[in-house]
Amino acid sequence: MSDYNVKGSCLCGKVRYEITDHRGVFQYCHCSRCRKFTGSAHASNLFVKLQDFKWTSGEAYIGRYEPDDTKYFATSFCKNCGSSLPWLEKSGRTMIVGAGTLDDDPGFKPQWNIFVASKAPWHQATSDLPEFDELPIKR
């Protein structure tokens, strides 16, 4: 049994969750969908297996949006405060957790930048992490 336990929440605190393990993937995504969803230059996403994630309060406040033209991407948000929330990818296997919603340190740092080819034209990189024009090759 893992002693890993990281908590997160929305801005108003009505929706809360916890993570008991992670896939070891933490990346910055510069795709236009992530930029629109976060309102920022990129999303800071952790990947968590569905069985290692649970909502601890406020599930009734969770909204979801699934664009028809995407294979994996969806979004979740708090219906009360509008905050971004973790979302289950369309495959149903992985929760994508925006690091900005974490209340605790996840214990590891971002590894790379993805979809850099579609980054915002005004974004100036301040990181020395590896960059990939699309998804990185699976290891």
N, C-alpha and C. Protein backbone atom coordinates (compact mmCIF):
# COMPACT_ATOMS: atom_id res chain seq x y z
N MET A 1 0.83 -1.18 0.00
CA MET A 1 0.00 0.00 0.00
C MET A 1 0.88 1.25 0.00
N SER A 2 0.59 2.15 -0.88
CA SER A 2 1.37 3.39 -1.01
C SER A 2 0.99 4.37 0.09
N ASP A 3 1.98 5.12 0.57
CA ASP A 3 1.66 6.18 1.54
C ASP A 3 1.57 7.54 0.84
N TYR A 4 1.56 7.51 -0.48
CA TYR A 4 1.41 8.73 -1.27
C TYR A 4 -0.02 9.23 -1.10
N ASN A 5 -0.19 10.49 -0.71
CA ASN A 5 -1.52 11.07 -0.57
C ASN A 5 -1.41 12.57 -0.81
N VAL A 6 -1.97 13.00 -1.91
CA VAL A 6 -1.94 14.41 -2.30
C VAL A 6 -3.38 14.87 -2.47
N LYS A 7 -3.68 16.02 -1.91
CA LYS A 7 -5.04 16.54 -1.98
C LYS A 7 -5.11 17.75 -2.91
N GLY A 8 -6.32 18.00 -3.41
CA GLY A 8 -6.55 19.16 -4.27
C GLY A 8 -7.98 19.63 -4.14
N SER A 9 -8.24 20.82 -4.69
CA SER A 9 -9.58 21.40 -4.59
C SER A 9 -9.76 22.51 -5.61
N CYS A 10 -11.00 22.96 -5.72
CA CYS A 10 -11.30 24.11 -6.57
C CYS A 10 -11.11 25.40 -5.76
N LEU A 11 -11.30 26.53 -6.38
CA LEU A 11 -11.10 27.82 -5.74
C LEU A 11 -12.02 28.04 -4.55
N CYS A 12 -13.29 27.68 -4.67
CA CYS A 12 -14.24 27.91 -3.57
C CYS A 12 -14.19 26.81 -2.52
N GLY A 13 -13.55 25.67 -2.82
CA GLY A 13 -13.41 24.59 -1.86
C GLY A 13 -14.57 23.62 -1.80
N LYS A 14 -15.59 23.82 -2.62
CA LYS A 14 -16.73 22.91 -2.61
C LYS A 14 -16.37 21.54 -3.19
N VAL A 15 -15.45 21.51 -4.16
CA VAL A 15 -15.02 20.24 -4.76
C VAL A 15 -13.62 19.93 -4.27
N ARG A 16 -13.46 18.71 -3.76
CA ARG A 16 -12.16 18.27 -3.25
C ARG A 16 -11.87 16.86 -3.74
N TYR A 17 -10.58 16.55 -3.84
CA TYR A 17 -10.16 15.22 -4.31
C TYR A 17 -8.86 14.82 -3.64
N GLU A 18 -8.51 13.55 -3.81
CA GLU A 18 -7.21 13.07 -3.35
C GLU A 18 -6.64 12.07 -4.34
N ILE A 19 -5.33 12.04 -4.36
CA ILE A 19 -4.56 11.15 -5.23
C ILE A 19 -3.74 10.24 -4.32
N THR A 20 -3.77 8.94 -4.58
CA THR A 20 -3.01 7.99 -3.76
C THR A 20 -1.81 7.38 -4.49
N ASP A 21 -1.67 7.70 -5.79
CA ASP A 21 -0.49 7.29 -6.56
C ASP A 21 -0.56 8.07 -7.88
N HIS A 22 0.49 7.98 -8.68
CA HIS A 22 0.51 8.70 -9.95
C HIS A 22 1.26 7.89 -10.99
N ARG A 23 1.09 8.25 -12.24
CA ARG A 23 1.75 7.54 -13.34
C ARG A 23 3.19 8.00 -13.56
N GLY A 24 3.61 9.03 -12.87
CA GLY A 24 4.96 9.54 -13.05
C GLY A 24 5.09 10.50 -14.21
N VAL A 25 3.97 10.91 -14.80
CA VAL A 25 4.00 11.87 -15.90
C VAL A 25 3.49 13.21 -15.38
N PHE A 26 4.29 14.23 -15.58
CA PHE A 26 3.93 15.60 -15.22
C PHE A 26 4.50 16.45 -16.35
N GLN A 27 3.63 17.08 -17.12
CA GLN A 27 4.09 17.81 -18.31
C GLN A 27 3.35 19.12 -18.49
N TYR A 28 4.00 20.01 -19.21
CA TYR A 28 3.37 21.26 -19.64
C TYR A 28 2.83 21.03 -21.05
N CYS A 29 1.54 21.29 -21.25
CA CYS A 29 0.94 21.13 -22.57
C CYS A 29 0.58 22.50 -23.14
N HIS A 30 1.09 22.79 -24.34
CA HIS A 30 0.89 24.07 -24.99
C HIS A 30 -0.18 24.04 -26.08
N CYS A 31 -0.96 22.94 -26.18
CA CYS A 31 -1.98 22.88 -27.23
C CYS A 31 -3.03 23.96 -27.00
N SER A 32 -3.72 24.32 -28.05
CA SER A 32 -4.71 25.40 -27.95
C SER A 32 -5.85 25.04 -27.00
N ARG A 33 -6.23 23.78 -26.94
CA ARG A 33 -7.31 23.39 -26.02
C ARG A 33 -6.91 23.60 -24.57
N CYS A 34 -5.72 23.17 -24.21
CA CYS A 34 -5.25 23.36 -22.84
C CYS A 34 -5.10 24.85 -22.50
N ARG A 35 -4.62 25.63 -23.48
CA ARG A 35 -4.50 27.07 -23.24
C ARG A 35 -5.87 27.69 -23.00
N LYS A 36 -6.85 27.31 -23.80
CA LYS A 36 -8.20 27.86 -23.63
C LYS A 36 -8.80 27.45 -22.28
N PHE A 37 -8.61 26.18 -21.92
CA PHE A 37 -9.18 25.66 -20.67
C PHE A 37 -8.57 26.32 -19.44
N THR A 38 -7.25 26.53 -19.46
CA THR A 38 -6.58 27.10 -18.29
C THR A 38 -6.52 28.62 -18.32
N GLY A 39 -6.66 29.21 -19.52
CA GLY A 39 -6.50 30.66 -19.62
C GLY A 39 -5.06 31.09 -19.44
N SER A 40 -4.14 30.19 -19.74
CA SER A 40 -2.72 30.43 -19.52
C SER A 40 -1.91 30.01 -20.74
N ALA A 41 -0.60 30.17 -20.65
CA ALA A 41 0.28 29.80 -21.75
C ALA A 41 0.32 28.30 -21.97
N HIS A 42 0.05 27.54 -20.92
CA HIS A 42 0.07 26.07 -21.01
C HIS A 42 -0.64 25.49 -19.81
N ALA A 43 -1.01 24.24 -19.91
CA ALA A 43 -1.52 23.50 -18.77
C ALA A 43 -0.36 22.79 -18.11
N SER A 44 -0.45 22.58 -16.83
CA SER A 44 0.55 21.83 -16.06
C SER A 44 -0.14 20.58 -15.57
N ASN A 45 -0.02 19.48 -16.30
CA ASN A 45 -0.84 18.29 -16.07
C ASN A 45 -0.08 17.10 -15.51
N LEU A 46 -0.67 16.49 -14.48
CA LEU A 46 -0.21 15.21 -13.95
C LEU A 46 -1.17 14.14 -14.46
N PHE A 47 -0.66 12.95 -14.71
CA PHE A 47 -1.48 11.83 -15.16
C PHE A 47 -1.62 10.86 -13.99
N VAL A 48 -2.87 10.51 -13.66
CA VAL A 48 -3.16 9.65 -12.52
C VAL A 48 -4.10 8.54 -12.97
N LYS A 49 -3.78 7.29 -12.64
CA LYS A 49 -4.69 6.18 -12.95
C LYS A 49 -6.01 6.42 -12.24
N LEU A 50 -7.10 6.06 -12.89
CA LEU A 50 -8.43 6.27 -12.33
C LEU A 50 -8.55 5.67 -10.93
N GLN A 51 -8.01 4.48 -10.71
CA GLN A 51 -8.13 3.84 -9.40
C GLN A 51 -7.32 4.54 -8.31
N ASP A 52 -6.41 5.45 -8.69
CA ASP A 52 -5.59 6.18 -7.72
C ASP A 52 -6.12 7.59 -7.45
N PHE A 53 -7.33 7.86 -7.91
CA PHE A 53 -7.95 9.18 -7.78
C PHE A 53 -9.33 9.01 -7.19
N LYS A 54 -9.71 9.92 -6.27
CA LYS A 54 -11.11 9.91 -5.82
C LYS A 54 -11.55 11.32 -5.43
N TRP A 55 -12.79 11.60 -5.76
CA TRP A 55 -13.43 12.84 -5.32
C TRP A 55 -13.79 12.63 -3.86
N THR A 56 -13.48 13.59 -2.99
CA THR A 56 -13.80 13.45 -1.57
C THR A 56 -14.97 14.32 -1.15
N SER A 57 -15.31 15.32 -1.96
CA SER A 57 -16.51 16.11 -1.70
C SER A 57 -16.87 16.94 -2.92
N GLY A 58 -18.15 17.27 -3.00
CA GLY A 58 -18.63 18.21 -4.01
C GLY A 58 -18.86 17.67 -5.40
N GLU A 59 -19.01 16.37 -5.58
CA GLU A 59 -19.20 15.83 -6.93
C GLU A 59 -20.39 16.44 -7.66
N ALA A 60 -21.39 16.86 -6.93
CA ALA A 60 -22.58 17.47 -7.55
C ALA A 60 -22.24 18.81 -8.21
N TYR A 61 -21.10 19.40 -7.85
CA TYR A 61 -20.69 20.69 -8.42
C TYR A 61 -19.81 20.53 -9.66
N ILE A 62 -19.50 19.31 -10.06
CA ILE A 62 -18.58 19.09 -11.17
C ILE A 62 -19.34 19.14 -12.50
N GLY A 63 -18.88 20.01 -13.38
CA GLY A 63 -19.38 20.07 -14.75
C GLY A 63 -18.34 19.46 -15.67
N ARG A 64 -18.77 19.05 -16.85
CA ARG A 64 -17.85 18.42 -17.80
C ARG A 64 -18.19 18.88 -19.20
N TYR A 65 -17.13 19.05 -20.00
CA TYR A 65 -17.31 19.40 -21.41
C TYR A 65 -16.42 18.47 -22.24
N GLU A 66 -17.01 17.82 -23.24
CA GLU A 66 -16.28 16.92 -24.12
C GLU A 66 -16.43 17.38 -25.57
N PRO A 67 -15.40 17.99 -26.13
CA PRO A 67 -15.49 18.35 -27.55
C PRO A 67 -15.66 17.09 -28.40
N ASP A 68 -16.54 17.14 -29.38
CA ASP A 68 -16.80 15.98 -30.24
C ASP A 68 -15.58 15.57 -31.05
N ASP A 69 -14.75 16.53 -31.42
CA ASP A 69 -13.66 16.25 -32.35
C ASP A 69 -12.35 15.84 -31.67
N THR A 70 -12.39 15.43 -30.41
CA THR A 70 -11.16 15.04 -29.72
C THR A 70 -11.17 13.56 -29.37
N LYS A 71 -9.99 12.97 -29.34
CA LYS A 71 -9.86 11.55 -29.01
C LYS A 71 -9.76 11.34 -27.50
N TYR A 72 -9.00 12.20 -26.81
CA TYR A 72 -8.77 12.05 -25.38
C TYR A 72 -9.28 13.23 -24.56
N PHE A 73 -9.20 14.43 -25.12
CA PHE A 73 -9.42 15.66 -24.36
C PHE A 73 -10.87 15.86 -23.94
N ALA A 74 -11.04 16.30 -22.72
CA ALA A 74 -12.30 16.76 -22.16
C ALA A 74 -11.92 17.80 -21.10
N THR A 75 -12.87 18.37 -20.42
CA THR A 75 -12.57 19.28 -19.33
C THR A 75 -13.58 19.07 -18.22
N SER A 76 -13.20 19.43 -17.01
CA SER A 76 -14.11 19.47 -15.87
C SER A 76 -13.88 20.79 -15.17
N PHE A 77 -14.93 21.24 -14.49
CA PHE A 77 -14.87 22.53 -13.83
C PHE A 77 -15.87 22.55 -12.68
N CYS A 78 -15.67 23.45 -11.75
CA CYS A 78 -16.60 23.63 -10.64
C CYS A 78 -17.75 24.51 -11.11
N LYS A 79 -18.97 24.02 -10.96
CA LYS A 79 -20.15 24.78 -11.37
C LYS A 79 -20.39 25.98 -10.47
N ASN A 80 -19.78 26.02 -9.29
CA ASN A 80 -19.96 27.15 -8.38
C ASN A 80 -18.97 28.27 -8.66
N CYS A 81 -17.66 27.96 -8.71
CA CYS A 81 -16.65 29.02 -8.87
C CYS A 81 -16.01 29.05 -10.26
N GLY A 82 -16.25 28.03 -11.08
CA GLY A 82 -15.70 28.01 -12.43
C GLY A 82 -14.28 27.49 -12.54
N SER A 83 -13.66 27.11 -11.43
CA SER A 83 -12.28 26.61 -11.45
C SER A 83 -12.14 25.37 -12.31
N SER A 84 -11.00 25.25 -12.97
CA SER A 84 -10.64 24.02 -13.65
C SER A 84 -10.54 22.92 -12.60
N LEU A 85 -10.91 21.71 -13.00
CA LEU A 85 -10.81 20.55 -12.12
C LEU A 85 -10.20 19.39 -12.89
N PRO A 86 -9.70 18.38 -12.18
CA PRO A 86 -9.23 17.18 -12.87
C PRO A 86 -10.33 16.61 -13.75
N TRP A 87 -9.90 15.99 -14.86
CA TRP A 87 -10.88 15.43 -15.80
C TRP A 87 -10.44 14.05 -16.25
N LEU A 88 -11.43 13.21 -16.45
CA LEU A 88 -11.19 11.86 -16.93
C LEU A 88 -11.06 11.90 -18.43
N GLU A 89 -9.92 11.41 -18.95
CA GLU A 89 -9.76 11.38 -20.39
C GLU A 89 -10.82 10.46 -20.99
N LYS A 90 -11.11 10.66 -22.26
CA LYS A 90 -12.19 9.93 -22.90
C LYS A 90 -12.00 8.41 -22.90
N SER A 91 -10.78 7.92 -22.77
CA SER A 91 -10.54 6.48 -22.71
C SER A 91 -11.07 5.89 -21.41
N GLY A 92 -11.25 6.73 -20.40
CA GLY A 92 -11.75 6.27 -19.11
C GLY A 92 -10.72 5.65 -18.19
N ARG A 93 -9.44 5.76 -18.54
CA ARG A 93 -8.39 5.13 -17.75
C ARG A 93 -7.57 6.10 -16.91
N THR A 94 -7.47 7.35 -17.33
CA THR A 94 -6.53 8.28 -16.71
C THR A 94 -7.21 9.59 -16.36
N MET A 95 -6.96 10.05 -15.14
CA MET A 95 -7.39 11.38 -14.73
C MET A 95 -6.26 12.34 -15.07
N ILE A 96 -6.61 13.45 -15.67
CA ILE A 96 -5.64 14.50 -15.96
C ILE A 96 -5.85 15.56 -14.88
N VAL A 97 -4.83 15.77 -14.08
CA VAL A 97 -4.94 16.67 -12.93
C VAL A 97 -4.11 17.92 -13.18
N GLY A 98 -4.79 19.03 -13.27
CA GLY A 98 -4.09 20.31 -13.40
C GLY A 98 -3.36 20.62 -12.10
N ALA A 99 -2.05 20.81 -12.18
CA ALA A 99 -1.25 21.01 -10.97
C ALA A 99 -1.68 22.24 -10.18
N GLY A 100 -2.28 23.22 -10.85
CA GLY A 100 -2.75 24.40 -10.15
C GLY A 100 -3.89 24.13 -9.19
N THR A 101 -4.53 22.96 -9.30
CA THR A 101 -5.63 22.61 -8.39
C THR A 101 -5.14 21.83 -7.17
N LEU A 102 -3.85 21.49 -7.15
CA LEU A 102 -3.30 20.73 -6.02
C LEU A 102 -3.18 21.62 -4.78
N ASP A 103 -3.49 21.06 -3.63
CA ASP A 103 -3.27 21.74 -2.35
C ASP A 103 -1.93 21.35 -1.75
N ASP A 104 -1.38 20.23 -2.23
CA ASP A 104 -0.12 19.69 -1.71
C ASP A 104 0.91 19.58 -2.83
N ASP A 105 2.16 19.44 -2.43
CA ASP A 105 3.25 19.20 -3.39
C ASP A 105 3.13 17.77 -3.89
N PRO A 106 3.11 17.55 -5.22
CA PRO A 106 2.98 16.19 -5.72
C PRO A 106 4.24 15.34 -5.54
N GLY A 107 5.35 15.98 -5.19
CA GLY A 107 6.59 15.23 -4.93
C GLY A 107 7.45 14.99 -6.15
N PHE A 108 7.07 15.52 -7.29
CA PHE A 108 7.91 15.44 -8.48
C PHE A 108 7.61 16.64 -9.37
N LYS A 109 8.50 16.92 -10.30
CA LYS A 109 8.44 18.13 -11.11
C LYS A 109 8.10 17.80 -12.56
N PRO A 110 7.66 18.82 -13.32
CA PRO A 110 7.38 18.61 -14.75
C PRO A 110 8.62 18.10 -15.48
N GLN A 111 8.36 17.23 -16.48
CA GLN A 111 9.44 16.58 -17.21
C GLN A 111 9.69 17.17 -18.58
N TRP A 112 8.65 17.70 -19.22
CA TRP A 112 8.81 18.19 -20.59
C TRP A 112 7.64 19.08 -20.98
N ASN A 113 7.81 19.70 -22.14
CA ASN A 113 6.78 20.52 -22.77
C ASN A 113 6.28 19.77 -24.00
N ILE A 114 4.94 19.72 -24.20
CA ILE A 114 4.41 19.08 -25.40
C ILE A 114 3.56 20.08 -26.20
N PHE A 115 3.34 19.74 -27.45
CA PHE A 115 2.60 20.58 -28.39
C PHE A 115 3.16 22.00 -28.46
N VAL A 116 4.48 22.08 -28.42
CA VAL A 116 5.17 23.36 -28.51
C VAL A 116 4.97 24.00 -29.88
N ALA A 117 4.74 23.18 -30.91
CA ALA A 117 4.52 23.73 -32.25
C ALA A 117 3.26 24.59 -32.32
N SER A 118 2.34 24.39 -31.37
CA SER A 118 1.13 25.21 -31.38
C SER A 118 1.05 26.14 -30.16
N LYS A 119 2.21 26.43 -29.57
CA LYS A 119 2.20 27.32 -28.40
C LYS A 119 1.73 28.72 -28.79
N ALA A 120 1.33 29.48 -27.80
CA ALA A 120 0.87 30.85 -28.01
C ALA A 120 2.02 31.68 -28.59
N PRO A 121 1.75 32.49 -29.61
CA PRO A 121 2.82 33.26 -30.24
C PRO A 121 3.48 34.27 -29.30
N TRP A 122 2.81 34.64 -28.24
CA TRP A 122 3.34 35.61 -27.29
C TRP A 122 4.13 34.95 -26.15
N HIS A 123 4.07 33.60 -26.07
CA HIS A 123 4.72 32.91 -24.96
C HIS A 123 6.23 32.90 -25.11
N GLN A 124 6.91 33.28 -24.03
CA GLN A 124 8.36 33.24 -24.00
C GLN A 124 8.77 32.16 -23.01
N ALA A 125 9.44 31.14 -23.51
CA ALA A 125 9.83 30.01 -22.66
C ALA A 125 10.79 30.48 -21.57
N THR A 126 10.58 29.98 -20.37
CA THR A 126 11.45 30.29 -19.24
C THR A 126 11.98 29.01 -18.61
N SER A 127 11.92 27.94 -19.35
CA SER A 127 12.28 26.63 -18.83
C SER A 127 13.33 25.98 -19.72
N ASP A 128 14.11 25.10 -19.13
CA ASP A 128 15.07 24.34 -19.93
C ASP A 128 14.65 22.88 -20.07
N LEU A 129 13.35 22.60 -19.86
CA LEU A 129 12.84 21.25 -20.05
C LEU A 129 12.82 20.90 -21.53
N PRO A 130 12.92 19.62 -21.87
CA PRO A 130 12.84 19.22 -23.29
C PRO A 130 11.51 19.66 -23.89
N GLU A 131 11.51 19.93 -25.19
CA GLU A 131 10.32 20.36 -25.91
C GLU A 131 10.04 19.42 -27.07
N PHE A 132 8.76 19.11 -27.29
CA PHE A 132 8.33 18.24 -28.38
C PHE A 132 7.25 18.96 -29.17
N ASP A 133 7.32 18.94 -30.49
CA ASP A 133 6.32 19.60 -31.32
C ASP A 133 4.96 18.94 -31.23
N GLU A 134 4.92 17.67 -30.89
CA GLU A 134 3.67 16.92 -30.73
C GLU A 134 3.80 16.10 -29.45
N LEU A 135 3.13 14.98 -29.35
CA LEU A 135 3.27 14.09 -28.20
C LEU A 135 4.65 13.44 -28.23
N PRO A 136 5.28 13.24 -27.05
CA PRO A 136 6.57 12.56 -27.06
C PRO A 136 6.39 11.08 -27.38
N ILE A 137 7.45 10.46 -27.84
CA ILE A 137 7.42 9.02 -28.13
C ILE A 137 7.32 8.28 -26.80
N LYS A 138 6.44 7.28 -26.76
CA LYS A 138 6.29 6.51 -25.52
C LYS A 138 7.56 5.73 -25.24
N ARG A 139 7.90 5.66 -23.99
CA ARG A 139 9.11 4.95 -23.58
C ARG A 139 8.77 3.54 -23.23
